[in-house]
Structure formats: structure tokens, C-alpha cells
């Protein structure tokens, strides 16, 4: 989504991109995300639907995978 206030309410201001980030800080962030993922603040809103309606989410994923094959 565009810069500014997060209208979806999922992104904390501290999670936003800043031009002062270096390769090192980006890699540390990626390592941190992989070692302890935070499903309470998803980057992919649609993927976070599993919390609200798992059967519908599973059905959608199966359809997408089937169509991709």
C-alpha cells in the first residue's frame, strides 16, 4: 500500500521501510522474521484470512494450486 498511515491497521510505524536501512539491517530483519514470524501483523492480508475462516482459506488455496498445475 502507499506510504503514510496504514488504513488496514496491520502495519506498525516501526515496521515501515526507511531509506537509512542498510543491507545488514535488512538481512537482520529477514532473519528475525524467519526465526519468529508474527502472524498478528501479516504483510499479505489475504494470507492472514486463515485466522478468520480457515475452511474458506483452505478451499481458496486448493483452487489456486489446482489452477497453477
N, C-alpha and C. Protein backbone atom coordinates (compact mmCIF):
# COMPACT_ATOMS: atom_id res chain seq x y z
N UNK A 1 0.83 -1.18 0.00
CA UNK A 1 0.00 0.00 0.00
C UNK A 1 0.87 1.24 0.00
N UNK A 2 0.30 2.39 -0.34
CA UNK A 2 1.11 3.61 -0.44
C UNK A 2 1.65 4.05 0.91
N UNK A 3 2.70 4.88 0.89
CA UNK A 3 3.26 5.38 2.14
C UNK A 3 2.23 6.20 2.92
N UNK A 4 2.45 6.31 4.18
CA UNK A 4 1.53 7.09 5.02
C UNK A 4 0.85 6.20 6.03
N UNK A 5 -0.25 6.67 6.54
CA UNK A 5 -1.00 5.93 7.56
C UNK A 5 -1.52 4.63 6.97
N UNK A 6 -1.40 3.54 7.71
CA UNK A 6 -1.86 2.23 7.24
C UNK A 6 -3.36 2.13 7.46
N UNK A 7 -4.12 2.26 6.38
CA UNK A 7 -5.58 2.25 6.51
C UNK A 7 -6.12 0.88 6.91
N UNK A 8 -5.31 -0.17 6.76
CA UNK A 8 -5.76 -1.51 7.12
C UNK A 8 -5.48 -1.85 8.58
N UNK A 9 -4.61 -1.07 9.21
CA UNK A 9 -4.32 -1.27 10.63
C UNK A 9 -3.41 -2.45 10.93
N UNK A 10 -2.70 -2.95 9.93
CA UNK A 10 -1.85 -4.12 10.15
C UNK A 10 -0.38 -3.75 10.34
N UNK A 11 0.01 -2.58 9.87
CA UNK A 11 1.43 -2.24 9.87
C UNK A 11 1.74 -1.21 10.94
N UNK A 12 2.66 -1.54 11.79
CA UNK A 12 3.14 -0.62 12.81
C UNK A 12 4.12 0.35 12.14
N UNK A 13 4.14 1.59 12.59
CA UNK A 13 5.04 2.58 12.00
C UNK A 13 6.49 2.12 12.05
N UNK A 14 6.86 1.35 13.07
CA UNK A 14 8.23 0.86 13.19
C UNK A 14 8.58 -0.22 12.19
N UNK A 15 7.60 -0.76 11.48
CA UNK A 15 7.84 -1.83 10.51
C UNK A 15 8.02 -1.28 9.09
N UNK A 16 7.88 -0.01 8.91
CA UNK A 16 7.93 0.58 7.58
C UNK A 16 9.36 0.72 7.07
N UNK A 17 9.48 0.79 5.75
CA UNK A 17 10.77 0.97 5.11
C UNK A 17 11.28 2.37 5.42
N UNK A 18 12.58 2.45 5.65
CA UNK A 18 13.24 3.73 5.85
C UNK A 18 14.49 3.75 4.97
N UNK A 19 14.79 4.88 4.36
CA UNK A 19 15.96 4.94 3.47
C UNK A 19 17.29 4.76 4.18
N UNK A 20 17.32 4.81 5.49
CA UNK A 20 18.58 4.63 6.23
C UNK A 20 18.91 3.17 6.47
N UNK A 21 18.04 2.26 6.07
CA UNK A 21 18.33 0.83 6.24
C UNK A 21 19.52 0.44 5.36
N UNK A 22 20.33 -0.43 5.90
CA UNK A 22 21.49 -0.95 5.16
C UNK A 22 21.22 -2.41 4.83
N UNK A 23 22.09 -2.99 4.03
CA UNK A 23 21.96 -4.42 3.72
C UNK A 23 21.97 -5.22 5.03
N UNK A 24 22.82 -4.82 5.96
CA UNK A 24 22.91 -5.53 7.23
C UNK A 24 21.59 -5.46 8.01
N UNK A 25 20.98 -4.28 8.10
CA UNK A 25 19.73 -4.17 8.86
C UNK A 25 18.60 -4.92 8.17
N UNK A 26 18.61 -4.92 6.85
CA UNK A 26 17.57 -5.66 6.12
C UNK A 26 17.73 -7.16 6.35
N UNK A 27 18.96 -7.66 6.26
CA UNK A 27 19.20 -9.09 6.50
C UNK A 27 18.86 -9.49 7.93
N UNK A 28 19.18 -8.64 8.88
CA UNK A 28 18.82 -8.93 10.27
C UNK A 28 17.30 -8.99 10.43
N UNK A 29 16.59 -8.11 9.75
CA UNK A 29 15.13 -8.13 9.81
C UNK A 29 14.57 -9.40 9.20
N UNK A 30 15.12 -9.82 8.06
CA UNK A 30 14.66 -11.05 7.41
C UNK A 30 14.92 -12.25 8.31
N UNK A 31 16.11 -12.33 8.90
CA UNK A 31 16.44 -13.43 9.80
C UNK A 31 15.47 -13.45 10.99
N UNK A 32 15.18 -12.27 11.51
CA UNK A 32 14.25 -12.16 12.64
C UNK A 32 12.85 -12.64 12.25
N UNK A 33 12.39 -12.24 11.06
CA UNK A 33 11.06 -12.66 10.61
C UNK A 33 10.98 -14.17 10.43
N UNK A 34 12.05 -14.76 9.90
CA UNK A 34 12.05 -16.20 9.66
C UNK A 34 12.17 -17.00 10.96
N UNK A 35 12.89 -16.46 11.93
CA UNK A 35 13.06 -17.20 13.18
C UNK A 35 11.85 -17.10 14.09
N UNK A 36 11.12 -16.01 14.01
CA UNK A 36 9.92 -15.88 14.84
C UNK A 36 8.87 -15.06 14.10
N UNK A 37 8.15 -15.71 13.17
CA UNK A 37 7.15 -15.00 12.37
C UNK A 37 6.02 -14.45 13.24
N UNK A 38 5.52 -13.30 12.86
CA UNK A 38 4.43 -12.65 13.58
C UNK A 38 3.18 -12.70 12.73
N UNK A 39 2.31 -13.65 12.99
CA UNK A 39 1.09 -13.75 12.18
C UNK A 39 0.02 -12.75 12.62
N UNK A 40 0.31 -11.94 13.62
CA UNK A 40 -0.63 -10.90 14.04
C UNK A 40 -0.47 -9.64 13.19
N UNK A 41 0.61 -9.55 12.43
CA UNK A 41 0.86 -8.39 11.59
C UNK A 41 1.29 -8.86 10.21
N UNK A 42 0.36 -9.45 9.45
CA UNK A 42 0.73 -10.05 8.18
C UNK A 42 0.99 -9.02 7.09
N UNK A 43 1.96 -9.30 6.25
CA UNK A 43 2.22 -8.46 5.09
C UNK A 43 1.21 -8.77 4.00
N UNK A 44 0.75 -10.00 3.94
CA UNK A 44 -0.22 -10.43 2.95
C UNK A 44 -1.56 -10.60 3.64
N UNK A 45 -2.43 -9.63 3.45
CA UNK A 45 -3.73 -9.62 4.13
C UNK A 45 -4.54 -10.86 3.77
N UNK A 46 -4.53 -11.25 2.49
CA UNK A 46 -5.32 -12.41 2.08
C UNK A 46 -4.80 -13.69 2.74
N UNK A 47 -3.49 -13.79 2.90
CA UNK A 47 -2.93 -14.99 3.54
C UNK A 47 -3.31 -15.05 5.02
N UNK A 48 -3.60 -13.91 5.61
CA UNK A 48 -3.97 -13.87 7.03
C UNK A 48 -5.42 -14.29 7.26
N UNK A 49 -6.16 -14.53 6.19
CA UNK A 49 -7.56 -14.93 6.32
C UNK A 49 -7.72 -16.27 7.03
N UNK A 50 -6.65 -17.06 7.07
CA UNK A 50 -6.76 -18.38 7.70
C UNK A 50 -7.22 -18.25 9.14
N UNK A 51 -6.94 -17.14 9.78
CA UNK A 51 -7.35 -16.97 11.18
C UNK A 51 -8.85 -16.75 11.31
N UNK A 52 -9.44 -16.10 10.32
CA UNK A 52 -10.86 -15.76 10.39
C UNK A 52 -11.76 -16.88 9.88
N UNK A 53 -11.36 -17.51 8.78
CA UNK A 53 -12.21 -18.52 8.16
C UNK A 53 -11.32 -19.57 7.48
N UNK A 54 -10.80 -20.48 8.28
CA UNK A 54 -9.84 -21.46 7.76
C UNK A 54 -10.42 -22.33 6.64
N UNK A 55 -11.65 -22.86 6.76
CA UNK A 55 -12.17 -23.69 5.66
C UNK A 55 -12.22 -22.94 4.32
N UNK A 56 -12.65 -21.70 4.33
CA UNK A 56 -12.71 -20.92 3.09
C UNK A 56 -11.30 -20.64 2.57
N UNK A 57 -10.38 -20.36 3.48
CA UNK A 57 -9.00 -20.11 3.09
C UNK A 57 -8.39 -21.37 2.45
N UNK A 58 -8.60 -22.52 3.07
CA UNK A 58 -8.07 -23.78 2.54
C UNK A 58 -8.64 -24.07 1.15
N UNK A 59 -9.92 -23.83 0.98
CA UNK A 59 -10.57 -24.05 -0.30
C UNK A 59 -9.96 -23.14 -1.38
N UNK A 60 -9.72 -21.89 -1.01
CA UNK A 60 -9.14 -20.95 -1.96
C UNK A 60 -7.72 -21.36 -2.35
N UNK A 61 -6.92 -21.77 -1.37
CA UNK A 61 -5.55 -22.20 -1.65
C UNK A 61 -5.56 -23.42 -2.56
N UNK A 62 -6.44 -24.37 -2.29
CA UNK A 62 -6.53 -25.57 -3.13
C UNK A 62 -6.89 -25.20 -4.57
N UNK A 63 -7.80 -24.25 -4.73
CA UNK A 63 -8.20 -23.82 -6.07
C UNK A 63 -7.02 -23.16 -6.79
N UNK A 64 -6.30 -22.30 -6.10
CA UNK A 64 -5.16 -21.61 -6.70
C UNK A 64 -4.08 -22.60 -7.11
N UNK A 65 -3.80 -23.57 -6.25
CA UNK A 65 -2.78 -24.59 -6.57
C UNK A 65 -3.24 -25.44 -7.75
N UNK A 66 -4.50 -25.84 -7.74
CA UNK A 66 -5.04 -26.66 -8.83
C UNK A 66 -4.94 -25.91 -10.15
N UNK A 67 -5.28 -24.62 -10.16
CA UNK A 67 -5.22 -23.83 -11.38
C UNK A 67 -3.79 -23.61 -11.87
N UNK A 68 -2.83 -23.65 -10.94
CA UNK A 68 -1.43 -23.41 -11.30
C UNK A 68 -0.77 -24.64 -11.91
N UNK A 69 -1.36 -25.80 -11.68
CA UNK A 69 -0.74 -27.05 -12.17
C UNK A 69 -1.06 -27.29 -13.62
